[in-house]
Amino acid sequence: MECWPAVLAKGHFAIDISNRCFKYVFEMGFTVHSPNARPDAVQAATRQLLLEAAGEVFAERGFSAASVREICQRAGANVAAVNYHFGDKETLYAEVLKYALRCAREQYPPTFGLRKNATVEQRLQAFVHSFLLRIFDGSRSSWHGRLMSHEMLEPTGALEGTVKSEIRPIFEELQKIIRDLLPSGAKPEVVRRCAFSIVSQCVFFHHCRPVVVRMFPNMTFDPARIAELAEHISHFSLLAIKGLGRSQGRGAKQPTPKAK
C-alpha cells in the first residue's frame, strides 16, 4: 500500500485526516459502515489512519509526552487499536518514523526518474535534487519534518531500526555514485567522507534556513530555486570529488621517499 503523500502527489484530490480512512476504503469499493465492507479493508484503513494521527501527535509532543489515548482519539479509533495493530507505543513510533521516510522516498526517489543508462554525473545531480525536495517539500504532511527533527534532537530506540531499513540504503546509493566517480580502489573512509560532505551541503540550507533568509531576504526555496541549488551542489561536489581522485592518483605514483 502506498503512503498517503505519494498517492496524493499523483493527482488525487486533497483530503484532511478525518476523511483519509473513509477515502481508502471507498476507493476499494466499500464504506466503513457498510455491511458489505471487507474486514481486512476496514482494518487496513484503521491502521493507516493510526499512522497519520500518531505522526501528528509525536511531531507535536515528542515520543515521551505523546499518549496512546490521544492518538486513538484523533484517529477516531478504539483505544485498544494501537495494541491490536502495532503491539505497543514503541512499535507504533518506530513504524511512524519508517513511514514518514518511506513516503518521502516514494515521492522523490533518489534516481528521480533517470534512465538506466544515465551518466554518473546525472545520477549525482538526481540524488541531490531528490534529497533537497524531500527535506524542503511543504506539500507533504507537515508533521514529517517536525517528527524527524524531534528524533535527531532526542534519539529514541527506534532510530537504529530506521537507520538500518530506511536511511542506510539511501546513503549506500550515494556512496555507490561516489565510488563510480573516484579511481578504483578508493578507501571506504574517503568515499564515506565525500558522501557526508554532500549531505551536509543539503541539510545546511534546511537546518540553517532561519539564519539564511535573514541574511538574504530574497533567497527562496521554491521548486525552481531548489533545482538551481541542486545543480550548484552537484557541480561543486563533482569538481571536488574528481579533484580528490586526481590528487590520490598522483599520490599513488609518487610514494613518499624513505628516510636515509
C-alpha atoms as a PDB file:
ATOM      1  CA  MET A   1       0.000   0.000   0.000  1.00  0.00           C
ATOM      2  CA  GLU A   2       1.374   3.416  -0.951  1.00  0.00           C
ATOM      3  CA  CYS A   3       1.813   6.159   1.615  1.00  0.00           C
ATOM      4  CA  TRP A   4      -0.741   8.962   1.507  1.00  0.00           C
ATOM      5  CA  PRO A   5       1.595  11.794   0.389  1.00  0.00           C
ATOM      6  CA  ALA A   6       2.782   9.735  -2.569  1.00  0.00           C
ATOM      7  CA  VAL A   7      -0.789   8.872  -3.527  1.00  0.00           C
ATOM      8  CA  LEU A   8      -1.944  12.464  -3.263  1.00  0.00           C
ATOM      9  CA  ALA A   9       1.026  13.667  -5.327  1.00  0.00           C
ATOM     10  CA  LYS A  10      -0.217  11.552  -8.219  1.00  0.00           C
ATOM     11  CA  GLY A  11      -3.281  13.709  -8.676  1.00  0.00           C
ATOM     12  CA  HIS A  12      -5.735  12.519  -6.043  1.00  0.00           C
ATOM     13  CA  PHE A  13      -7.786  15.314  -4.542  1.00  0.00           C
ATOM     14  CA  ALA A  14      -6.676  16.724  -1.207  1.00  0.00           C
ATOM     15  CA  ILE A  15      -8.335  15.376   1.927  1.00  0.00           C
ATOM     16  CA  ASP A  16      -7.980  16.063   5.615  1.00  0.00           C
ATOM     17  CA  ILE A  17      -7.078  13.416   8.150  1.00  0.00           C
ATOM     18  CA  SER A  18     -10.690  12.807   9.187  1.00  0.00           C
ATOM     19  CA  ASN A  19     -11.534  11.611   5.666  1.00  0.00           C
ATOM     20  CA  ARG A  20      -8.438   9.554   4.862  1.00  0.00           C
ATOM     21  CA  CYS A  21      -9.700   6.313   6.330  1.00  0.00           C
ATOM     22  CA  PHE A  22     -13.027   6.651   4.532  1.00  0.00           C
ATOM     23  CA  LYS A  23     -11.336   7.511   1.230  1.00  0.00           C
ATOM     24  CA  TYR A  24      -9.050   4.491   1.394  1.00  0.00           C
ATOM     25  CA  VAL A  25     -11.932   2.088   1.940  1.00  0.00           C
ATOM     26  CA  PHE A  26     -14.193   3.905  -0.540  1.00  0.00           C
ATOM     27  CA  GLU A  27     -11.623   3.558  -3.327  1.00  0.00           C
ATOM     28  CA  MET A  28     -11.724  -0.192  -2.751  1.00  0.00           C
ATOM     29  CA  GLY A  29     -15.476  -0.155  -3.342  1.00  0.00           C
ATOM     30  CA  PHE A  30     -16.662  -0.178   0.242  1.00  0.00           C
ATOM     31  CA  THR A  31     -17.593   2.172   3.045  1.00  0.00           C
ATOM     32  CA  VAL A  32     -16.502   1.823   6.662  1.00  0.00           C
ATOM     33  CA  HIS A  33     -20.020   1.288   7.940  1.00  0.00           C
ATOM     34  CA  SER A  34     -21.308  -0.761   5.039  1.00  0.00           C
ATOM     35  CA  PRO A  35     -22.385  -4.285   5.963  1.00  0.00           C
ATOM     36  CA  ASN A  36     -20.589  -5.370   2.782  1.00  0.00           C
ATOM     37  CA  ALA A  37     -17.274  -3.847   3.808  1.00  0.00           C
ATOM     38  CA  ARG A  38     -14.439  -6.348   3.899  1.00  0.00           C
ATOM     39  CA  PRO A  39     -12.954  -6.623   7.410  1.00  0.00           C
ATOM     40  CA  ASP A  40      -9.413  -6.573   6.016  1.00  0.00           C
ATOM     41  CA  ALA A  41     -10.130  -3.316   4.139  1.00  0.00           C
ATOM     42  CA  VAL A  42     -11.504  -1.650   7.263  1.00  0.00           C
ATOM     43  CA  GLN A  43      -8.556  -2.860   9.351  1.00  0.00           C
ATOM     44  CA  ALA A  44      -6.076  -1.592   6.766  1.00  0.00           C
ATOM     45  CA  ALA A  45      -7.808   1.783   6.719  1.00  0.00           C
ATOM     46  CA  THR A  46      -7.773   1.983  10.526  1.00  0.00           C
ATOM     47  CA  ARG A  47      -4.068   1.142  10.619  1.00  0.00           C
ATOM     48  CA  GLN A  48      -3.349   3.828   8.038  1.00  0.00           C
ATOM     49  CA  LEU A  49      -5.294   6.421   9.985  1.00  0.00           C
ATOM     50  CA  LEU A  50      -3.468   5.489  13.189  1.00  0.00           C
ATOM     51  CA  LEU A  51      -0.134   6.078  11.448  1.00  0.00           C
ATOM     52  CA  GLU A  52      -1.224   9.530  10.314  1.00  0.00           C
ATOM     53  CA  ALA A  53      -2.698  10.511  13.681  1.00  0.00           C
ATOM     54  CA  ALA A  54       0.319   9.170  15.577  1.00  0.00           C
ATOM     55  CA  GLY A  55       2.657  11.092  13.299  1.00  0.00           C
ATOM     56  CA  GLU A  56       0.898  14.344  14.143  1.00  0.00           C
ATOM     57  CA  VAL A  57       0.878  13.681  17.893  1.00  0.00           C
ATOM     58  CA  PHE A  58       4.504  12.507  18.028  1.00  0.00           C
ATOM     59  CA  ALA A  59       5.588  15.534  15.987  1.00  0.00           C
ATOM     60  CA  GLU A  60       3.781  17.907  18.338  1.00  0.00           C
ATOM     61  CA  ARG A  61       4.718  16.355  21.663  1.00  0.00           C
ATOM     62  CA  GLY A  62       7.693  14.072  21.099  1.00  0.00           C
ATOM     63  CA  PHE A  63       7.676  10.371  21.880  1.00  0.00           C
ATOM     64  CA  SER A  64       7.681  10.580  25.683  1.00  0.00           C
ATOM     65  CA  ALA A  65       4.843  13.100  26.064  1.00  0.00           C
ATOM     66  CA  ALA A  66       2.595  11.579  23.399  1.00  0.00           C
ATOM     67  CA  SER A  67      -0.212   9.350  24.667  1.00  0.00           C
ATOM     68  CA  VAL A  68      -1.868   6.381  23.019  1.00  0.00           C
ATOM     69  CA  ARG A  69      -5.249   7.714  24.114  1.00  0.00           C
ATOM     70  CA  GLU A  70      -4.794  10.996  22.232  1.00  0.00           C
ATOM     71  CA  ILE A  71      -3.568   9.176  19.132  1.00  0.00           C
ATOM     72  CA  CYS A  72      -6.631   6.954  19.094  1.00  0.00           C
ATOM     73  CA  GLN A  73      -8.940   9.907  19.679  1.00  0.00           C
ATOM     74  CA  ARG A  74      -7.507  11.739  16.670  1.00  0.00           C
ATOM     75  CA  ALA A  75      -7.774   8.613  14.573  1.00  0.00           C
ATOM     76  CA  GLY A  76     -11.366   8.038  15.673  1.00  0.00           C
ATOM     77  CA  ALA A  77     -10.362   4.563  16.795  1.00  0.00           C
ATOM     78  CA  ASN A  78     -10.862   2.494  19.919  1.00  0.00           C
ATOM     79  CA  VAL A  79      -8.094   2.958  22.491  1.00  0.00           C
ATOM     80  CA  ALA A  80      -7.168  -0.706  22.043  1.00  0.00           C
ATOM     81  CA  ALA A  81      -6.500  -0.194  18.317  1.00  0.00           C
ATOM     82  CA  VAL A  82      -2.809   0.642  18.828  1.00  0.00           C
ATOM     83  CA  ASN A  83      -2.189  -2.605  20.684  1.00  0.00           C
ATOM     84  CA  TYR A  84      -4.142  -4.547  18.064  1.00  0.00           C
ATOM     85  CA  HIS A  85      -2.291  -3.125  15.045  1.00  0.00           C
ATOM     86  CA  PHE A  86       1.174  -2.370  16.459  1.00  0.00           C
ATOM     87  CA  GLY A  87       1.558  -4.082  19.818  1.00  0.00           C
ATOM     88  CA  ASP A  88       2.652  -1.041  21.828  1.00  0.00           C
ATOM     89  CA  LYS A  89       3.520   2.640  21.646  1.00  0.00           C
ATOM     90  CA  GLU A  90       7.217   1.987  20.939  1.00  0.00           C
ATOM     91  CA  THR A  91       6.466  -0.161  17.898  1.00  0.00           C
ATOM     92  CA  LEU A  92       3.928   2.373  16.639  1.00  0.00           C
ATOM     93  CA  TYR A  93       6.533   5.131  16.890  1.00  0.00           C
ATOM     94  CA  ALA A  94       9.112   3.062  15.014  1.00  0.00           C
ATOM     95  CA  GLU A  95       6.580   2.366  12.258  1.00  0.00           C
ATOM     96  CA  VAL A  96       5.679   6.059  12.025  1.00  0.00           C
ATOM     97  CA  LEU A  97       9.346   7.017  11.587  1.00  0.00           C
ATOM     98  CA  LYS A  98       9.799   4.477   8.795  1.00  0.00           C
ATOM     99  CA  TYR A  99       6.501   5.511   7.233  1.00  0.00           C
ATOM    100  CA  ALA A 100       7.500   9.185   7.077  1.00  0.00           C
ATOM    101  CA  LEU A 101      10.833   8.419   5.412  1.00  0.00           C
ATOM    102  CA  ARG A 102       9.278   5.879   3.049  1.00  0.00           C
ATOM    103  CA  CYS A 103       6.678   8.417   1.932  1.00  0.00           C
ATOM    104  CA  ALA A 104       9.391  10.944   1.150  1.00  0.00           C
ATOM    105  CA  ARG A 105      11.427   8.377  -0.786  1.00  0.00           C
ATOM    106  CA  GLU A 106       8.427   7.183  -2.798  1.00  0.00           C
ATOM    107  CA  GLN A 107       7.503  10.730  -3.757  1.00  0.00           C
ATOM    108  CA  TYR A 108      11.078  11.757  -4.590  1.00  0.00           C
ATOM    109  CA  PRO A 109      13.168   8.631  -5.294  1.00  0.00           C
ATOM    110  CA  PRO A 110      16.973   9.074  -5.373  1.00  0.00           C
ATOM    111  CA  THR A 111      17.099   8.145  -9.071  1.00  0.00           C
ATOM    112  CA  PHE A 112      14.473  10.832  -9.814  1.00  0.00           C
ATOM    113  CA  GLY A 113      13.221   9.038 -12.924  1.00  0.00           C
ATOM    114  CA  LEU A 114      16.600   8.731 -14.647  1.00  0.00           C
ATOM    115  CA  ARG A 115      17.129   6.215 -17.432  1.00  0.00           C
ATOM    116  CA  LYS A 116      19.239   3.171 -16.647  1.00  0.00           C
ATOM    117  CA  ASN A 117      21.997   4.418 -18.955  1.00  0.00           C
ATOM    118  CA  ALA A 118      22.294   7.800 -17.186  1.00  0.00           C
ATOM    119  CA  THR A 119      25.813   9.097 -16.600  1.00  0.00           C
ATOM    120  CA  VAL A 120      27.288   9.126 -13.122  1.00  0.00           C
ATOM    121  CA  GLU A 121      27.164  12.938 -13.179  1.00  0.00           C
ATOM    122  CA  GLN A 122      23.433  12.807 -13.907  1.00  0.00           C
ATOM    123  CA  ARG A 123      22.960  10.283 -11.121  1.00  0.00           C
ATOM    124  CA  LEU A 124      24.693  12.596  -8.651  1.00  0.00           C
ATOM    125  CA  GLN A 125      22.528  15.573  -9.588  1.00  0.00           C
ATOM    126  CA  ALA A 126      19.356  13.481  -9.445  1.00  0.00           C
ATOM    127  CA  PHE A 127      20.301  12.242  -5.984  1.00  0.00           C
ATOM    128  CA  VAL A 128      20.977  15.758  -4.691  1.00  0.00           C
ATOM    129  CA  HIS A 129      17.838  17.198  -6.296  1.00  0.00           C
ATOM    130  CA  SER A 130      15.591  14.493  -4.843  1.00  0.00           C
ATOM    131  CA  PHE A 131      17.255  14.852  -1.433  1.00  0.00           C
ATOM    132  CA  LEU A 132      16.585  18.608  -1.380  1.00  0.00           C
ATOM    133  CA  LEU A 133      12.978  18.112  -2.452  1.00  0.00           C
ATOM    134  CA  ARG A 134      12.429  15.554   0.304  1.00  0.00           C
ATOM    135  CA  ILE A 135      13.590  17.934   3.034  1.00  0.00           C
ATOM    136  CA  PHE A 136      12.022  21.123   1.625  1.00  0.00           C
ATOM    137  CA  ASP A 137       8.717  19.815   0.308  1.00  0.00           C
ATOM    138  CA  GLY A 138       5.890  21.585   2.084  1.00  0.00           C
ATOM    139  CA  SER A 139       3.148  19.709   0.251  1.00  0.00           C
ATOM    140  CA  ARG A 140       3.701  16.538   2.265  1.00  0.00           C
ATOM    141  CA  SER A 141       2.143  16.148   5.691  1.00  0.00           C
ATOM    142  CA  SER A 142       3.666  18.900   7.794  1.00  0.00           C
ATOM    143  CA  TRP A 143       4.436  16.528  10.640  1.00  0.00           C
ATOM    144  CA  HIS A 144       7.072  14.563   8.704  1.00  0.00           C
ATOM    145  CA  GLY A 145       9.824  17.145   9.079  1.00  0.00           C
ATOM    146  CA  ARG A 146       8.924  18.027  12.673  1.00  0.00           C
ATOM    147  CA  LEU A 147       8.938  14.356  13.647  1.00  0.00           C
ATOM    148  CA  MET A 148      12.428  13.792  12.242  1.00  0.00           C
ATOM    149  CA  SER A 149      13.675  16.976  13.934  1.00  0.00           C
ATOM    150  CA  HIS A 150      12.430  15.618  17.269  1.00  0.00           C
ATOM    151  CA  GLU A 151      14.189  12.326  16.622  1.00  0.00           C
ATOM    152  CA  MET A 152      17.501  14.000  15.729  1.00  0.00           C
ATOM    153  CA  LEU A 153      17.423  16.134  18.890  1.00  0.00           C
ATOM    154  CA  GLU A 154      16.226  13.370  21.204  1.00  0.00           C
ATOM    155  CA  PRO A 155      17.022   9.982  19.618  1.00  0.00           C
ATOM    156  CA  THR A 156      14.906   7.042  20.721  1.00  0.00           C
ATOM    157  CA  GLY A 157      15.465   3.333  20.448  1.00  0.00           C
ATOM    158  CA  ALA A 158      13.545   3.391  17.169  1.00  0.00           C
ATOM    159  CA  LEU A 159      16.296   5.293  15.380  1.00  0.00           C
ATOM    160  CA  GLU A 160      18.576   2.285  14.996  1.00  0.00           C
ATOM    161  CA  GLY A 161      15.986   0.280  13.075  1.00  0.00           C
ATOM    162  CA  THR A 162      15.037   3.326  10.993  1.00  0.00           C
ATOM    163  CA  VAL A 163      18.654   3.921  10.025  1.00  0.00           C
ATOM    164  CA  LYS A 164      19.029   0.283   9.031  1.00  0.00           C
ATOM    165  CA  SER A 165      15.865  -0.021   6.950  1.00  0.00           C
ATOM    166  CA  GLU A 166      15.358   3.486   5.539  1.00  0.00           C
ATOM    167  CA  ILE A 167      18.410   5.761   5.867  1.00  0.00           C
ATOM    168  CA  ARG A 168      21.370   3.462   5.252  1.00  0.00           C
ATOM    169  CA  PRO A 169      20.076   2.136   1.882  1.00  0.00           C
ATOM    170  CA  ILE A 170      19.825   5.700   0.524  1.00  0.00           C
ATOM    171  CA  PHE A 171      23.273   6.559   1.884  1.00  0.00           C
ATOM    172  CA  GLU A 172      24.646   3.432   0.190  1.00  0.00           C
ATOM    173  CA  GLU A 173      23.208   4.644  -3.114  1.00  0.00           C
ATOM    174  CA  LEU A 174      25.132   7.908  -2.703  1.00  0.00           C
ATOM    175  CA  GLN A 175      28.319   6.057  -1.837  1.00  0.00           C
ATOM    176  CA  LYS A 176      27.970   3.941  -4.968  1.00  0.00           C
ATOM    177  CA  ILE A 177      27.755   7.110  -7.079  1.00  0.00           C
ATOM    178  CA  ILE A 178      30.885   8.461  -5.401  1.00  0.00           C
ATOM    179  CA  ARG A 179      32.795   5.195  -5.914  1.00  0.00           C
ATOM    180  CA  ASP A 180      31.960   5.431  -9.613  1.00  0.00           C
ATOM    181  CA  LEU A 181      33.456   8.937  -9.678  1.00  0.00           C
ATOM    182  CA  LEU A 182      36.635   8.100  -7.781  1.00  0.00           C
ATOM    183  CA  PRO A 183      39.516   5.946  -9.058  1.00  0.00           C
ATOM    184  CA  SER A 184      39.019   2.235  -8.459  1.00  0.00           C
ATOM    185  CA  GLY A 185      40.167   1.092  -5.071  1.00  0.00           C
ATOM    186  CA  ALA A 186      39.225   4.310  -3.257  1.00  0.00           C
ATOM    187  CA  LYS A 187      39.355   3.832   0.509  1.00  0.00           C
ATOM    188  CA  PRO A 188      35.957   3.383   2.196  1.00  0.00           C
ATOM    189  CA  GLU A 189      36.595   6.274   4.570  1.00  0.00           C
ATOM    190  CA  VAL A 190      37.277   8.601   1.623  1.00  0.00           C
ATOM    191  CA  VAL A 191      34.012   7.565  -0.031  1.00  0.00           C
ATOM    192  CA  ARG A 192      32.158   7.982   3.249  1.00  0.00           C
ATOM    193  CA  ARG A 193      33.570  11.478   3.875  1.00  0.00           C
ATOM    194  CA  CYS A 194      32.609  12.584   0.376  1.00  0.00           C
ATOM    195  CA  ALA A 195      29.072  11.331   0.968  1.00  0.00           C
ATOM    196  CA  PHE A 196      28.842  13.158   4.291  1.00  0.00           C
ATOM    197  CA  SER A 197      30.100  16.342   2.617  1.00  0.00           C
ATOM    198  CA  ILE A 198      27.335  16.204   0.009  1.00  0.00           C
ATOM    199  CA  VAL A 199      24.623  15.504   2.560  1.00  0.00           C
ATOM    200  CA  SER A 200      25.971  18.303   4.763  1.00  0.00           C
ATOM    201  CA  GLN A 201      25.612  20.833   1.958  1.00  0.00           C
ATOM    202  CA  CYS A 202      21.977  19.821   1.505  1.00  0.00           C
ATOM    203  CA  VAL A 203      20.933  19.834   5.148  1.00  0.00           C
ATOM    204  CA  PHE A 204      22.735  23.121   5.830  1.00  0.00           C
ATOM    205  CA  PHE A 205      20.157  25.071   3.845  1.00  0.00           C
ATOM    206  CA  HIS A 206      17.324  23.343   5.681  1.00  0.00           C
ATOM    207  CA  HIS A 207      18.647  23.473   9.246  1.00  0.00           C
ATOM    208  CA  CYS A 208      20.073  26.994   8.892  1.00  0.00           C
ATOM    209  CA  ARG A 209      17.197  28.362   6.858  1.00  0.00           C
ATOM    210  CA  PRO A 210      16.058  30.841   9.575  1.00  0.00           C
ATOM    211  CA  VAL A 211      19.522  32.448   9.517  1.00  0.00           C
ATOM    212  CA  VAL A 212      19.964  32.228   5.738  1.00  0.00           C
ATOM    213  CA  VAL A 213      16.714  34.027   4.926  1.00  0.00           C
ATOM    214  CA  ARG A 214      17.522  36.771   7.421  1.00  0.00           C
ATOM    215  CA  MET A 215      20.918  37.307   5.866  1.00  0.00           C
ATOM    216  CA  PHE A 216      19.487  37.138   2.342  1.00  0.00           C
ATOM    217  CA  PRO A 217      15.754  38.008   2.494  1.00  0.00           C
ATOM    218  CA  ASN A 218      15.283  37.483  -1.234  1.00  0.00           C
ATOM    219  CA  MET A 219      16.513  33.896  -1.081  1.00  0.00           C
ATOM    220  CA  THR A 220      13.657  31.435  -1.540  1.00  0.00           C
ATOM    221  CA  PHE A 221      13.343  27.667  -1.676  1.00  0.00           C
ATOM    222  CA  ASP A 222      10.641  27.190  -4.279  1.00  0.00           C
ATOM    223  CA  PRO A 223      11.000  24.333  -6.812  1.00  0.00           C
ATOM    224  CA  ALA A 224      12.927  26.469  -9.320  1.00  0.00           C
ATOM    225  CA  ARG A 225      15.427  27.660  -6.695  1.00  0.00           C
ATOM    226  CA  ILE A 226      15.781  24.132  -5.337  1.00  0.00           C
ATOM    227  CA  ALA A 227      16.657  22.902  -8.831  1.00  0.00           C
ATOM    228  CA  GLU A 228      19.313  25.624  -9.110  1.00  0.00           C
ATOM    229  CA  LEU A 229      20.672  24.747  -5.695  1.00  0.00           C
ATOM    230  CA  ALA A 230      20.816  21.074  -6.648  1.00  0.00           C
ATOM    231  CA  GLU A 231      22.786  21.943  -9.774  1.00  0.00           C
ATOM    232  CA  HIS A 232      25.248  24.035  -7.750  1.00  0.00           C
ATOM    233  CA  ILE A 233      25.795  21.427  -5.030  1.00  0.00           C
ATOM    234  CA  SER A 234      26.202  18.685  -7.632  1.00  0.00           C
ATOM    235  CA  HIS A 235      28.656  20.688  -9.754  1.00  0.00           C
ATOM    236  CA  PHE A 236      30.633  21.837  -6.722  1.00  0.00           C
ATOM    237  CA  SER A 237      30.804  18.296  -5.316  1.00  0.00           C
ATOM    238  CA  LEU A 238      31.628  16.778  -8.686  1.00  0.00           C
ATOM    239  CA  LEU A 239      34.651  19.035  -9.138  1.00  0.00           C
ATOM    240  CA  ALA A 240      35.788  18.345  -5.579  1.00  0.00           C
ATOM    241  CA  ILE A 241      35.465  14.567  -5.920  1.00  0.00           C
ATOM    242  CA  LYS A 242      37.252  14.487  -9.261  1.00  0.00           C
ATOM    243  CA  GLY A 243      39.984  16.727  -7.889  1.00  0.00           C
ATOM    244  CA  LEU A 244      40.353  14.437  -4.913  1.00  0.00           C
ATOM    245  CA  GLY A 245      40.594  11.478  -7.253  1.00  0.00           C
ATOM    246  CA  ARG A 246      43.360  13.153  -9.294  1.00  0.00           C
ATOM    247  CA  SER A 247      45.324  14.037  -6.172  1.00  0.00           C
ATOM    248  CA  GLN A 248      45.072  10.471  -4.912  1.00  0.00           C
ATOM    249  CA  GLY A 249      46.210   9.214  -8.293  1.00  0.00           C
ATOM    250  CA  ARG A 250      49.272  11.454  -8.218  1.00  0.00           C
ATOM    251  CA  GLY A 251      49.974  10.372  -4.675  1.00  0.00           C
ATOM    252  CA  ALA A 252      49.928   6.729  -5.759  1.00  0.00           C
ATOM    253  CA  LYS A 253      52.513   7.430  -8.481  1.00  0.00           C
ATOM    254  CA  GLN A 254      54.779   9.439  -6.180  1.00  0.00           C
ATOM    255  CA  PRO A 255      55.335   7.472  -2.963  1.00  0.00           C
ATOM    256  CA  THR A 256      56.944   9.267  -0.049  1.00  0.00           C
ATOM    257  CA  PRO A 257      60.749   8.741  -0.204  1.00  0.00           C
ATOM    258  CA  LYS A 258      62.160   6.581   2.523  1.00  0.00           C
ATOM    259  CA  ALA A 259      64.292   8.340   5.071  1.00  0.00           C
ATOM    260  CA  LYS A 260      68.033   7.631   4.698  1.00  0.00           C
END
